[in-house]
Protein backbone atom coordinates (compact mmCIF):
# COMPACT_ATOMS: atom_id res chain seq x y z
CA MET A 1 4.54 -12.10 21.58
CA ARG A 2 1.37 -13.08 19.71
CA ARG A 3 -0.51 -13.24 23.01
CA PHE A 4 -0.09 -9.45 23.36
CA LEU A 5 -1.34 -8.54 19.91
CA PRO A 6 -5.06 -8.18 20.73
CA LEU A 7 -4.11 -5.95 23.66
CA LEU A 8 -2.18 -3.49 21.52
CA ALA A 9 -5.03 -2.28 19.30
CA GLY A 10 -5.55 1.42 19.89
CA MET A 11 -2.92 1.59 22.62
CA ALA A 12 0.28 1.63 20.63
CA CYS A 13 0.82 4.25 18.01
CA ALA A 14 -0.23 1.54 15.59
CA ALA A 15 -2.75 -1.21 16.04
CA ALA A 16 -1.40 -4.73 15.98
CA ALA A 17 -2.65 -7.63 13.93
CA ALA A 18 -1.31 -11.15 13.84
CA LEU A 19 -0.27 -11.87 10.29
CA PRO A 20 1.16 -15.15 9.14
CA ALA A 21 4.86 -14.88 8.36
CA ALA A 22 4.19 -16.76 5.11
CA ALA A 23 2.31 -13.69 3.85
CA TYR A 24 5.64 -11.88 3.42
CA GLU A 25 8.64 -12.45 1.24
CA ILE A 26 11.78 -12.87 3.37
CA ASP A 27 15.00 -11.14 2.36
CA PRO A 28 17.56 -13.95 2.09
CA LEU A 29 20.39 -11.76 3.42
CA THR A 30 18.74 -10.05 6.37
CA ARG A 31 16.02 -12.66 7.02
CA GLN A 32 13.58 -9.72 7.46
CA PRO A 33 10.10 -9.53 5.87
CA LEU A 34 10.00 -7.40 2.73
CA MET A 35 6.58 -6.86 1.18
CA PRO A 36 3.16 -8.50 1.29
CA LEU A 37 2.79 -11.19 -1.35
CA GLY A 38 -0.34 -11.60 -3.40
CA ASN A 39 -3.66 -10.94 -1.72
CA SER A 40 -2.78 -12.74 1.51
CA VAL A 41 -2.58 -9.48 3.50
CA PRO A 42 -5.63 -7.26 3.10
CA GLN A 43 -4.56 -3.69 2.43
CA ALA A 44 -7.67 -2.40 0.66
CA THR A 45 -9.23 0.74 2.03
CA ALA A 46 -12.00 3.17 1.21
CA ILE A 47 -9.34 5.90 1.21
CA PRO A 48 -7.26 5.38 -1.93
CA ARG A 49 -3.83 6.92 -2.41
CA GLU A 50 -4.12 9.45 -5.22
CA VAL A 51 -2.61 12.54 -6.80
CA VAL A 52 -4.78 15.60 -6.15
CA SER A 53 -4.63 19.32 -6.93
CA TYR A 54 -2.73 21.39 -4.39
CA SER A 55 -2.66 25.19 -4.21
CA GLY A 56 -1.25 25.65 -0.72
CA ARG A 57 1.81 27.61 0.39
CA HIS A 58 4.06 24.68 1.33
CA ALA A 59 7.12 23.77 -0.73
CA PRO A 60 7.43 20.53 -2.70
CA GLY A 61 8.57 17.69 -0.46
CA THR A 62 6.62 18.95 2.57
CA ILE A 63 4.27 16.54 4.34
CA ILE A 64 1.00 18.07 5.55
CA ILE A 65 -1.27 16.07 7.84
CA SER A 66 -4.85 17.20 8.34
CA THR A 67 -6.07 15.45 11.47
CA THR A 68 -9.66 16.61 10.91
CA GLU A 69 -9.67 15.22 7.35
CA ARG A 70 -7.57 12.24 8.41
CA ARG A 71 -5.43 12.69 5.33
CA LEU A 72 -1.71 13.11 4.71
CA TYR A 73 -0.52 15.17 1.75
CA LEU A 74 2.96 15.02 0.25
CA VAL A 75 3.43 18.19 -1.79
CA LEU A 76 4.75 17.17 -5.21
CA GLY A 77 4.99 20.57 -6.89
CA GLY A 78 3.35 21.72 -10.09
CA GLY A 79 0.08 22.26 -8.24
CA GLN A 80 -0.17 18.63 -7.12
CA ALA A 81 0.11 16.54 -3.97
CA MET A 82 -0.09 12.83 -3.21
CA ARG A 83 -2.95 12.22 -0.78
CA TYR A 84 -3.05 9.25 1.60
CA GLY A 85 -5.62 8.16 4.17
CA VAL A 86 -4.31 8.07 7.75
CA GLY A 87 -5.35 7.18 11.26
CA VAL A 88 -4.72 9.88 13.88
CA GLY A 89 -4.62 10.36 17.65
CA ARG A 90 -7.78 9.61 19.55
CA PRO A 91 -9.36 12.35 21.71
CA GLY A 92 -6.84 13.53 24.28
CA PHE A 93 -3.94 12.28 22.13
CA ASP A 94 -4.37 14.56 19.12
CA TRP A 95 -1.83 17.28 18.48
CA ALA A 96 -0.70 19.88 15.95
CA GLY A 97 2.64 21.44 15.11
CA THR A 98 5.65 21.29 12.85
CA LYS A 99 8.24 18.53 13.08
CA THR A 100 11.08 17.19 10.95
CA ILE A 101 11.72 13.59 9.98
CA THR A 102 14.86 12.75 11.95
CA ARG A 103 15.06 9.03 11.23
CA LYS A 104 13.59 6.41 8.93
CA ALA A 105 13.33 2.69 9.67
CA GLU A 106 12.25 -0.40 7.75
CA TRP A 107 10.35 -2.95 9.86
CA PRO A 108 11.00 -0.91 13.01
CA THR A 109 11.18 -2.34 16.50
CA TRP A 110 8.69 -1.11 19.09
CA THR A 111 9.44 -0.13 22.66
CA PRO A 112 6.32 1.31 24.29
CA PRO A 113 7.09 4.64 25.98
CA ALA A 114 6.92 4.91 29.77
CA GLN A 115 3.64 6.86 29.61
CA MET A 116 2.00 4.05 27.65
CA LEU A 117 3.37 1.37 29.97
CA LYS A 118 1.96 3.29 32.92
CA ARG A 119 -1.49 3.14 31.32
CA ARG A 120 -1.01 -0.43 30.11
CA PRO A 121 1.51 -2.38 32.23
CA ASP A 122 0.49 -5.60 30.43
CA LEU A 123 2.15 -4.48 27.18
CA PRO A 124 5.42 -6.07 26.08
CA ARG A 125 8.51 -4.01 26.87
CA PHE A 126 9.95 -4.60 23.39
CA MET A 127 8.87 -6.10 20.06
CA LYS A 128 11.25 -6.85 17.22
CA GLY A 129 10.37 -5.57 13.75
CA GLY A 130 8.30 -7.70 11.42
CA PRO A 131 4.73 -8.35 10.34
CA ASP A 132 3.50 -8.89 13.93
CA ASN A 133 4.87 -5.55 15.14
CA PRO A 134 2.28 -2.77 15.61
CA MET A 135 4.64 -0.25 13.94
CA GLY A 136 4.08 -1.87 10.56
CA ALA A 137 6.41 -1.96 7.58
CA ARG A 138 8.06 1.47 7.89
CA ALA A 139 8.41 4.32 10.38
CA LEU A 140 9.30 7.98 9.97
CA TYR A 141 10.37 9.44 13.32
CA LEU A 142 9.22 13.01 14.01
CA GLY A 143 11.88 15.12 15.73
CA SER A 144 12.67 14.25 19.33
CA SER A 145 8.99 13.51 20.02
CA LEU A 146 7.44 10.12 20.69
CA TYR A 147 5.39 10.53 17.49
CA ARG A 148 5.93 8.74 14.22
CA ILE A 149 4.30 8.24 10.87
CA HIS A 150 4.18 4.48 10.52
CA GLY A 151 2.43 1.49 9.03
CA SER A 152 -0.46 -0.50 10.39
CA ASN A 153 -1.73 -4.00 9.75
CA GLU A 154 -5.31 -2.99 10.53
CA PRO A 155 -6.70 -1.22 7.46
CA ASP A 156 -10.02 -0.57 9.20
CA THR A 157 -8.28 1.94 11.53
CA ILE A 158 -7.28 4.19 8.62
CA GLY A 159 -9.55 7.23 8.63
CA GLN A 160 -10.16 6.81 12.36
CA ALA A 161 -8.93 8.61 15.50
CA VAL A 162 -7.61 5.66 17.53
CA SER A 163 -3.85 6.01 18.08
CA SER A 164 -1.85 7.43 20.97
CA GLY A 165 -0.81 10.36 18.77
CA CYS A 166 1.13 8.69 15.97
CA ILE A 167 -0.01 8.93 12.38
CA ARG A 168 -0.71 5.47 10.97
CA MET A 169 -0.99 4.43 7.36
CA LEU A 170 -1.60 1.28 5.40
CA ASN A 171 1.67 -0.62 5.04
CA ASP A 172 1.54 -0.19 1.24
CA ASP A 173 1.06 3.57 1.65
CA VAL A 174 3.77 4.06 4.28
CA ILE A 175 6.22 2.16 2.04
CA ASP A 176 5.31 4.47 -0.84
CA LEU A 177 5.76 7.58 1.34
CA TYR A 178 8.99 6.23 2.87
CA ASN A 179 10.46 5.85 -0.62
CA ARG A 180 9.49 9.43 -1.57
CA VAL A 181 10.86 11.37 1.44
CA ARG A 182 14.19 11.78 3.17
CA VAL A 183 15.48 12.58 6.64
CA GLY A 184 15.05 16.33 7.09
CA THR A 185 11.59 16.45 5.47
CA ARG A 186 9.30 19.02 7.09
CA VAL A 187 6.02 17.66 8.52
CA VAL A 188 3.15 20.03 9.32
CA VAL A 189 0.34 18.57 11.46
CA GLN A 190 -2.87 20.62 11.37
CA ARG A 191 -6.15 20.23 13.26
């Protein structure tokens, strides 16, 4: 599958990057990668995760994505929100609306949708979860749509409009968000 990785950048919801398996701790029971170890996987970004003031109308627990700002806000309550940098859909693949998280997955598999395969027939038909997968460390599935909030192994794409409509985050950030939200969480995507 590594031969496909350079082809996936910008085409999948997440961009792919070949990362050495040794950069991740392996769960001895499931044999799945857990978390980046040390500094072997660059996750630094110019868009730090931080708690910010929030005076909007949305209830605590709501996720708000501003595609123009390229930021995701998790409303915490008490006039605060956690703000994350995100990558969003490139021109022609951007969207707005309200969805609900219907499923959560750790180290998700990736099956490119038919529309993507039509544009890019050279893509693999399936990729198992793990550090080489363009879906990253976690995925939050948005309703019955093809869109997800998911990780990315390419930190330079955060803050950019390069995906096929999915919202991508640094793996460290998507793990943090994944641990804070549940299935049923409301997601509001704004332009």
